[in-house]
Amino acid sequence: MTKKALITGVTGQDGSYLAEFLLKKGYEVHGIIRRSSSINDGRLKKIFQEPSNEKRRFFLHYGDLSDASNLTNLLRRINPDEVYNLGAQSHVKVSFEIPDYTADITGIGAIRLLEAIRNAEINCKFYQASSSELFGSTPPPQKENSLFKPRSPYAISKLFAYHSVINYREAYGMFAVNGILFNHESPRRGETFLTRKVTLGAARIALGIQDKLILGNLEAVRDWGYAPEYVEAMWLMLQNPNPTDLVISTGIGATVREWVEHSLNQLGLDFEKHVDFSERYVRPTEVDKLIGDSSLASKVINWKAKTTWRELSQIMVFADLELVKRQLRGTPIADLKEQR
């Protein structure tokens, strides 16, 4: 019998990679999308370009993590074997500006979905996209039993969701797990996120469309991995016989400065010439260093990161270089400069 999966946040970086991964595994995949006047399914283009039999196993439904009754109705109708909650207001810096909305969608949205599973009376496995931001100011390496010290409304909301998963697992016997994923990136990362802002900016500078990258804290350390590898870990966690919360990371950290220098160097660009600092991009409370310890994931689900942050930077820089070149065809550079 064909397995069914339901994904919130299916139009995002992780959601699109996970949908592709599950379709290759033979799943019937359902995604929840928010109603919008603008089309936001660009990351799903690869699925829509697949042969018709692939498309017939992929379905999109309107819904929102703020709408409990809609979630319950969708779950009853779809009756999935696995639910992946990847939906969130996921930008840390933005969460300081819209804390109420972040808490509602990122935090309470998770418990709405858990409760909807209970109310729909379906038997499924549940994956919650947790975050390394939970650790905040706790020194690295951070692992499953490290102290949580969240430093943003986003992290606080994720902590609420994290404990909600544990509570529903213990109170109702649900197979529900938290994947505490450290930073994971790809050419599908949103353009306002640091890594993608840098690689896209490097491509635009190399092609003469912009002159500078304006950035915040250059000394923050992050553990960057490749998103397609991380969605496999999500799936593996739900195939594990026992529901276990796991840290997913590379175990190697790099500063923002190192990421920027490496990305610019690949295109022959000079850091000192093209990078400026702005207080605008500094968080009110900073997280200095996040480096994960995934030794438990290695033992429990036999997962290890394969792509280094330097290799990831190269993948993203040259993908963005090709993207900007495509945008340039037939478009005056002056027009592209106005789109920055």
Protein backbone atom coordinates (compact mmCIF):
# COMPACT_ATOMS: atom_id res chain seq x y z
CA MET A 1 0.00 0.00 0.00
CA THR A 2 1.27 3.47 -0.93
CA LYS A 3 2.28 5.57 2.06
CA LYS A 4 0.87 9.08 2.39
CA ALA A 5 2.70 12.09 3.80
CA LEU A 6 1.42 15.56 4.66
CA ILE A 7 3.88 18.48 4.68
CA THR A 8 3.28 21.97 6.05
CA GLY A 9 5.64 24.56 4.60
CA VAL A 10 5.85 22.54 1.40
CA THR A 11 6.72 25.60 -0.73
CA GLY A 12 9.82 26.36 1.35
CA GLN A 13 13.36 25.11 0.92
CA ASP A 14 12.98 22.03 3.13
CA GLY A 15 9.41 21.31 2.09
CA SER A 16 10.25 21.19 -1.61
CA TYR A 17 13.27 18.94 -1.10
CA LEU A 18 11.30 16.67 1.23
CA ALA A 19 8.41 16.39 -1.25
CA GLU A 20 10.82 15.35 -4.00
CA PHE A 21 12.55 12.88 -1.68
CA LEU A 22 9.28 11.23 -0.60
CA LEU A 23 7.96 11.02 -4.16
CA LYS A 24 11.13 9.14 -5.13
CA LYS A 25 10.39 6.78 -2.22
CA GLY A 26 6.99 6.06 -3.75
CA TYR A 27 4.88 8.14 -1.36
CA GLU A 28 1.69 10.01 -2.14
CA VAL A 29 2.57 13.52 -0.98
CA HIS A 30 0.18 16.24 0.17
CA GLY A 31 1.29 19.79 0.89
CA ILE A 32 -0.46 22.63 2.69
CA ILE A 33 -0.13 26.08 1.12
CA ARG A 34 -1.49 29.43 2.26
CA ARG A 35 -3.90 31.26 -0.02
CA SER A 36 -2.11 34.22 -1.58
CA SER A 37 -2.70 36.61 -4.46
CA SER A 38 0.85 35.86 -5.64
CA ILE A 39 2.08 32.44 -6.76
CA ASN A 40 4.69 30.96 -4.41
CA ASP A 41 5.34 27.49 -5.80
CA GLY A 42 8.60 28.16 -7.64
CA ARG A 43 10.55 25.65 -5.56
CA LEU A 44 8.08 22.94 -6.60
CA LYS A 45 8.82 23.46 -10.29
CA LYS A 46 10.90 20.29 -10.48
CA ILE A 47 7.95 18.20 -9.28
CA PHE A 48 5.55 19.81 -11.72
CA GLN A 49 8.00 19.06 -14.54
CA GLU A 50 8.13 15.35 -13.67
CA PRO A 51 6.17 12.78 -15.73
CA SER A 52 2.42 12.77 -15.14
CA ASN A 53 2.48 9.73 -12.84
CA GLU A 54 4.67 11.72 -10.41
CA LYS A 55 2.29 14.69 -10.48
CA ARG A 56 -0.67 12.46 -9.73
CA ARG A 57 0.96 11.49 -6.44
CA PHE A 58 1.48 15.13 -5.42
CA PHE A 59 -1.39 17.26 -4.17
CA LEU A 60 -1.63 20.80 -2.77
CA HIS A 61 -4.30 21.96 -0.33
CA TYR A 62 -5.11 25.42 0.99
CA GLY A 63 -4.65 25.72 4.73
CA ASP A 64 -2.87 27.57 7.50
CA LEU A 65 -1.30 26.71 10.85
CA SER A 66 -3.55 29.36 12.39
CA ASP A 67 -6.73 27.50 11.34
CA ALA A 68 -7.33 24.50 13.62
CA SER A 69 -10.60 23.33 12.07
CA ASN A 70 -9.12 23.35 8.57
CA LEU A 71 -6.15 21.29 9.79
CA THR A 72 -8.46 18.72 11.40
CA ASN A 73 -10.60 18.43 8.26
CA LEU A 74 -7.54 18.01 6.02
CA LEU A 75 -6.10 15.32 8.25
CA ARG A 76 -9.37 13.37 8.28
CA ARG A 77 -9.65 13.57 4.51
CA ILE A 78 -6.03 12.72 3.67
CA ASN A 79 -5.40 10.26 6.55
CA PRO A 80 -1.59 10.48 6.21
CA ASP A 81 0.88 7.95 7.56
CA GLU A 82 3.41 10.70 8.26
CA VAL A 83 3.05 14.42 9.02
CA TYR A 84 6.00 16.80 8.67
CA ASN A 85 5.50 20.21 10.28
CA LEU A 86 7.96 22.46 8.44
CA GLY A 87 5.70 25.52 8.37
CA ALA A 88 6.85 28.53 10.37
CA GLN A 89 7.79 32.20 10.38
CA SER A 90 11.40 31.12 10.15
CA HIS A 91 13.45 34.30 9.86
CA VAL A 92 15.16 34.96 13.21
CA LYS A 93 15.83 38.69 12.69
CA VAL A 94 12.26 39.27 11.48
CA SER A 95 10.87 37.51 14.56
CA PHE A 96 11.98 40.49 16.67
CA GLU A 97 9.76 42.71 14.53
CA ILE A 98 6.70 40.42 14.44
CA PRO A 99 6.94 38.42 17.70
CA ASP A 100 3.18 37.85 18.08
CA TYR A 101 2.80 36.36 14.61
CA THR A 102 5.97 34.29 15.04
CA ALA A 103 4.70 32.83 18.32
CA ASP A 104 1.29 32.08 16.82
CA ILE A 105 2.53 30.25 13.71
CA THR A 106 5.88 28.85 14.80
CA GLY A 107 4.90 27.93 18.36
CA ILE A 108 1.15 27.55 18.76
CA GLY A 109 0.82 26.33 15.17
CA ALA A 110 2.63 23.13 16.16
CA ILE A 111 0.26 22.38 19.01
CA ARG A 112 -2.72 23.12 16.74
CA LEU A 113 -1.44 20.48 14.36
CA LEU A 114 -0.80 17.97 17.13
CA GLU A 115 -4.28 18.55 18.52
CA ALA A 116 -5.77 18.27 15.03
CA ILE A 117 -4.18 14.82 14.69
CA ARG A 118 -5.82 13.82 17.97
CA ASN A 119 -9.20 15.26 17.00
CA ALA A 120 -9.09 13.64 13.57
CA GLU A 121 -8.40 10.31 15.34
CA ILE A 122 -5.79 9.20 12.83
CA ASN A 123 -2.75 7.04 13.50
CA CYS A 124 0.29 8.78 12.04
CA LYS A 125 3.88 9.66 12.82
CA PHE A 126 4.70 13.33 13.43
CA TYR A 127 7.91 15.22 12.69
CA GLN A 128 8.48 18.69 14.15
CA ALA A 129 11.10 20.94 12.56
CA SER A 130 13.01 22.14 15.58
CA SER A 131 16.05 24.42 15.48
CA SER A 132 19.58 24.89 16.76
CA GLU A 133 18.43 28.39 17.80
CA LEU A 134 16.98 26.66 20.89
CA PHE A 135 20.49 26.48 22.31
CA GLY A 136 21.06 30.22 22.01
CA SER A 137 23.90 31.22 24.33
CA THR A 138 24.78 27.67 25.45
CA PRO A 139 28.44 26.98 24.49
CA PRO A 140 29.14 24.39 21.76
CA PRO A 141 29.18 21.61 20.96
CA GLN A 142 25.41 21.43 21.45
CA LYS A 143 23.67 18.06 21.61
CA GLU A 144 20.33 16.59 22.69
CA ASN A 145 20.89 17.10 26.44
CA SER A 146 22.50 20.55 26.18
CA LEU A 147 20.77 23.42 27.98
CA PHE A 148 18.30 25.48 25.96
CA LYS A 149 18.82 29.26 26.21
CA PRO A 150 16.74 30.81 23.39
CA ARG A 151 17.68 34.35 22.33
CA SER A 152 14.90 35.42 19.97
CA PRO A 153 11.10 35.26 19.63
CA TYR A 154 11.67 32.65 16.93
CA ALA A 155 13.73 30.44 19.23
CA ILE A 156 11.29 30.87 22.11
CA SER A 157 8.44 29.83 19.80
CA LYS A 158 10.39 26.80 18.62
CA LEU A 159 11.02 25.85 22.25
CA PHE A 160 7.26 25.91 22.93
CA ALA A 161 6.75 23.61 19.93
CA TYR A 162 9.60 21.35 21.04
CA HIS A 163 8.09 20.74 24.48
CA SER A 164 4.60 20.39 22.99
CA VAL A 165 5.86 17.45 20.92
CA ILE A 166 7.34 15.78 23.99
CA ASN A 167 4.15 16.37 25.98
CA TYR A 168 1.90 14.85 23.29
CA ARG A 169 4.28 11.91 22.95
CA GLU A 170 4.21 11.21 26.68
CA ALA A 171 0.57 12.10 27.36
CA TYR A 172 -1.08 10.39 24.36
CA GLY A 173 1.48 7.86 23.17
CA MET A 174 1.91 9.63 19.82
CA PHE A 175 4.91 8.85 17.64
CA ALA A 176 6.15 12.44 17.60
CA VAL A 177 9.74 13.61 17.29
CA ASN A 178 11.79 16.81 17.17
CA GLY A 179 14.53 17.15 14.60
CA ILE A 180 16.89 19.76 16.08
CA LEU A 181 18.38 20.84 12.78
CA PHE A 182 21.35 23.16 12.63
CA ASN A 183 21.63 25.65 9.78
CA HIS A 184 21.08 23.94 6.44
CA GLU A 185 21.23 25.78 3.15
CA SER A 186 20.91 25.35 -0.61
CA PRO A 187 20.27 27.31 -3.80
CA ARG A 188 16.59 27.22 -2.76
CA ARG A 189 17.23 29.18 0.44
CA GLY A 190 15.26 32.43 0.66
CA GLU A 191 17.15 35.45 -0.61
CA THR A 192 16.87 37.32 2.72
CA PHE A 193 18.72 34.58 4.64
CA LEU A 194 22.40 35.26 5.27
CA THR A 195 23.99 32.47 3.23
CA ARG A 196 21.84 33.09 0.16
CA LYS A 197 22.14 36.86 0.47
CA VAL A 198 25.90 36.39 0.28
CA THR A 199 26.04 33.91 -2.62
CA LEU A 200 23.47 35.80 -4.67
CA GLY A 201 25.22 39.07 -3.87
CA ALA A 202 28.57 37.61 -4.92
CA ALA A 203 27.08 36.59 -8.27
CA ARG A 204 25.54 40.02 -8.80
CA ILE A 205 28.80 41.79 -7.92
CA ALA A 206 30.76 39.54 -10.29
CA LEU A 207 28.35 40.40 -13.11
CA GLY A 208 28.37 44.14 -12.39
CA ILE A 209 24.84 44.46 -11.03
CA GLN A 210 25.74 45.58 -7.50
CA ASP A 211 28.87 46.81 -5.73
CA LYS A 212 28.51 45.93 -2.05
CA LEU A 213 27.24 43.37 0.43
CA ILE A 214 25.83 45.05 3.54
CA LEU A 215 25.98 42.63 6.49
CA GLY A 216 25.69 42.48 10.27
CA ASN A 217 27.68 40.40 12.77
CA LEU A 218 30.57 38.83 10.87
CA GLU A 219 31.98 36.92 13.84
CA ALA A 220 28.94 34.72 14.56
CA VAL A 221 29.75 31.02 14.12
CA ARG A 222 27.33 28.62 12.46
CA ASP A 223 27.28 24.93 11.56
CA TRP A 224 26.15 24.93 7.91
CA GLY A 225 24.98 21.80 6.10
CA TYR A 226 23.29 20.91 2.80
CA ALA A 227 19.48 20.92 2.96
CA PRO A 228 18.78 17.82 0.76
CA GLU A 229 20.83 15.71 3.19
CA TYR A 230 18.89 17.09 6.15
CA VAL A 231 15.46 16.19 4.76
CA GLU A 232 16.64 12.60 4.50
CA ALA A 233 17.36 12.75 8.24
CA MET A 234 13.75 13.90 8.82
CA TRP A 235 12.46 10.83 7.02
CA LEU A 236 14.87 8.50 8.79
CA MET A 237 13.67 9.77 12.17
CA LEU A 238 10.13 8.63 11.32
CA GLN A 239 11.38 5.20 10.17
CA ASN A 240 13.14 4.64 13.50
CA PRO A 241 11.22 2.11 15.67
CA ASN A 242 11.31 4.43 18.69
CA PRO A 243 10.47 8.16 18.60
CA THR A 244 13.74 9.91 19.44
CA ASP A 245 14.59 13.63 19.33
CA LEU A 246 17.88 14.13 17.47
CA VAL A 247 20.39 16.85 16.66
CA ILE A 248 21.21 17.02 12.94
CA SER A 249 24.41 18.89 12.07
CA THR A 250 27.82 18.67 10.42
CA GLY A 251 29.79 19.24 13.64
CA ILE A 252 31.96 21.88 11.96
CA GLY A 253 31.56 25.61 12.51
CA ALA A 254 32.62 28.64 10.48
CA THR A 255 32.25 32.37 11.02
CA VAL A 256 30.06 34.51 8.83
CA ARG A 257 33.26 36.24 7.73
CA GLU A 258 34.69 32.91 6.55
CA TRP A 259 31.50 32.10 4.63
CA VAL A 260 31.56 35.51 2.94
CA GLU A 261 35.28 35.41 2.10
CA HIS A 262 35.02 31.90 0.66
CA SER A 263 31.95 32.79 -1.41
CA LEU A 264 33.54 35.96 -2.83
CA ASN A 265 36.91 34.30 -3.46
CA GLN A 266 35.35 31.71 -5.75
CA LEU A 267 34.49 34.53 -8.15
CA GLY A 268 37.78 36.39 -7.68
CA LEU A 269 36.22 39.12 -5.52
CA ASP A 270 37.90 40.96 -2.66
CA PHE A 271 36.27 40.94 0.79
CA GLU A 272 37.58 44.35 1.86
CA LYS A 273 36.36 46.01 -1.33
CA HIS A 274 32.86 44.57 -1.44
CA VAL A 275 31.66 44.10 2.18
CA ASP A 276 30.31 46.79 4.51
CA PHE A 277 28.85 46.52 8.03
CA SER A 278 25.48 47.86 9.18
CA GLU A 279 23.89 47.84 12.62
CA ARG A 280 20.58 47.30 10.85
CA TYR A 281 21.38 43.60 10.44
CA VAL A 282 22.49 42.95 14.03
CA ARG A 283 20.02 41.09 16.25
CA PRO A 284 18.96 42.70 19.56
CA THR A 285 20.27 39.55 21.28
CA GLU A 286 22.92 37.70 19.33
CA VAL A 287 23.70 33.98 19.21
CA ASP A 288 27.48 33.76 19.04
CA LYS A 289 28.31 30.14 18.29
CA LEU A 290 26.26 27.12 17.19
CA ILE A 291 28.08 23.86 16.42
CA GLY A 292 26.14 20.60 16.72
CA ASP A 293 27.09 17.13 17.89
CA SER A 294 25.19 14.55 15.81
CA SER A 295 26.82 11.45 17.26
CA LEU A 296 23.44 10.17 18.52
CA ALA A 297 21.89 10.54 15.05
CA SER A 298 24.81 8.57 13.66
CA LYS A 299 24.03 5.72 16.06
CA VAL A 300 20.23 5.79 15.98
CA ILE A 301 19.44 6.46 12.30
CA ASN A 302 22.88 5.97 10.70
CA TRP A 303 22.96 9.54 9.42
CA LYS A 304 26.02 11.72 8.82
CA ALA A 305 26.44 14.97 6.90
CA LYS A 306 28.38 14.55 3.66
CA THR A 307 28.76 18.11 2.33
CA THR A 308 31.15 20.57 4.00
CA TRP A 309 30.29 24.24 4.33
CA ARG A 310 32.94 25.12 1.74
CA GLU A 311 31.42 22.69 -0.76
CA LEU A 312 27.98 24.08 0.07
CA SER A 313 29.17 27.63 -0.57
CA GLN A 314 30.51 26.55 -3.95
CA ILE A 315 27.22 24.84 -4.88
CA MET A 316 25.26 27.98 -3.99
CA VAL A 317 27.63 30.52 -5.56
CA PHE A 318 27.67 28.85 -8.96
CA ALA A 319 23.93 28.12 -8.89
CA ASP A 320 23.32 31.82 -8.22
CA LEU A 321 25.81 32.82 -10.91
CA GLU A 322 23.79 30.81 -13.44
CA LEU A 323 20.55 32.27 -12.07
CA VAL A 324 21.74 35.86 -12.49
CA LYS A 325 23.09 35.12 -15.96
CA ARG A 326 19.63 33.84 -16.96
CA GLN A 327 18.09 36.99 -15.52
CA LEU A 328 20.53 39.13 -17.52
CA ARG A 329 19.55 37.66 -20.87
CA GLY A 330 17.50 40.35 -22.57
CA THR A 331 17.33 42.50 -19.41
CA PRO A 332 19.32 45.75 -19.12
CA ILE A 333 21.68 45.79 -16.11
CA ALA A 334 20.13 49.08 -14.98
CA ASP A 335 16.75 47.33 -14.60
CA LEU A 336 18.30 44.53 -12.54
CA LYS A 337 20.02 47.08 -10.30
CA GLU A 338 16.60 48.54 -9.48
CA GLN A 339 15.41 45.07 -8.35
CA ARG A 340 18.04 44.77 -5.58
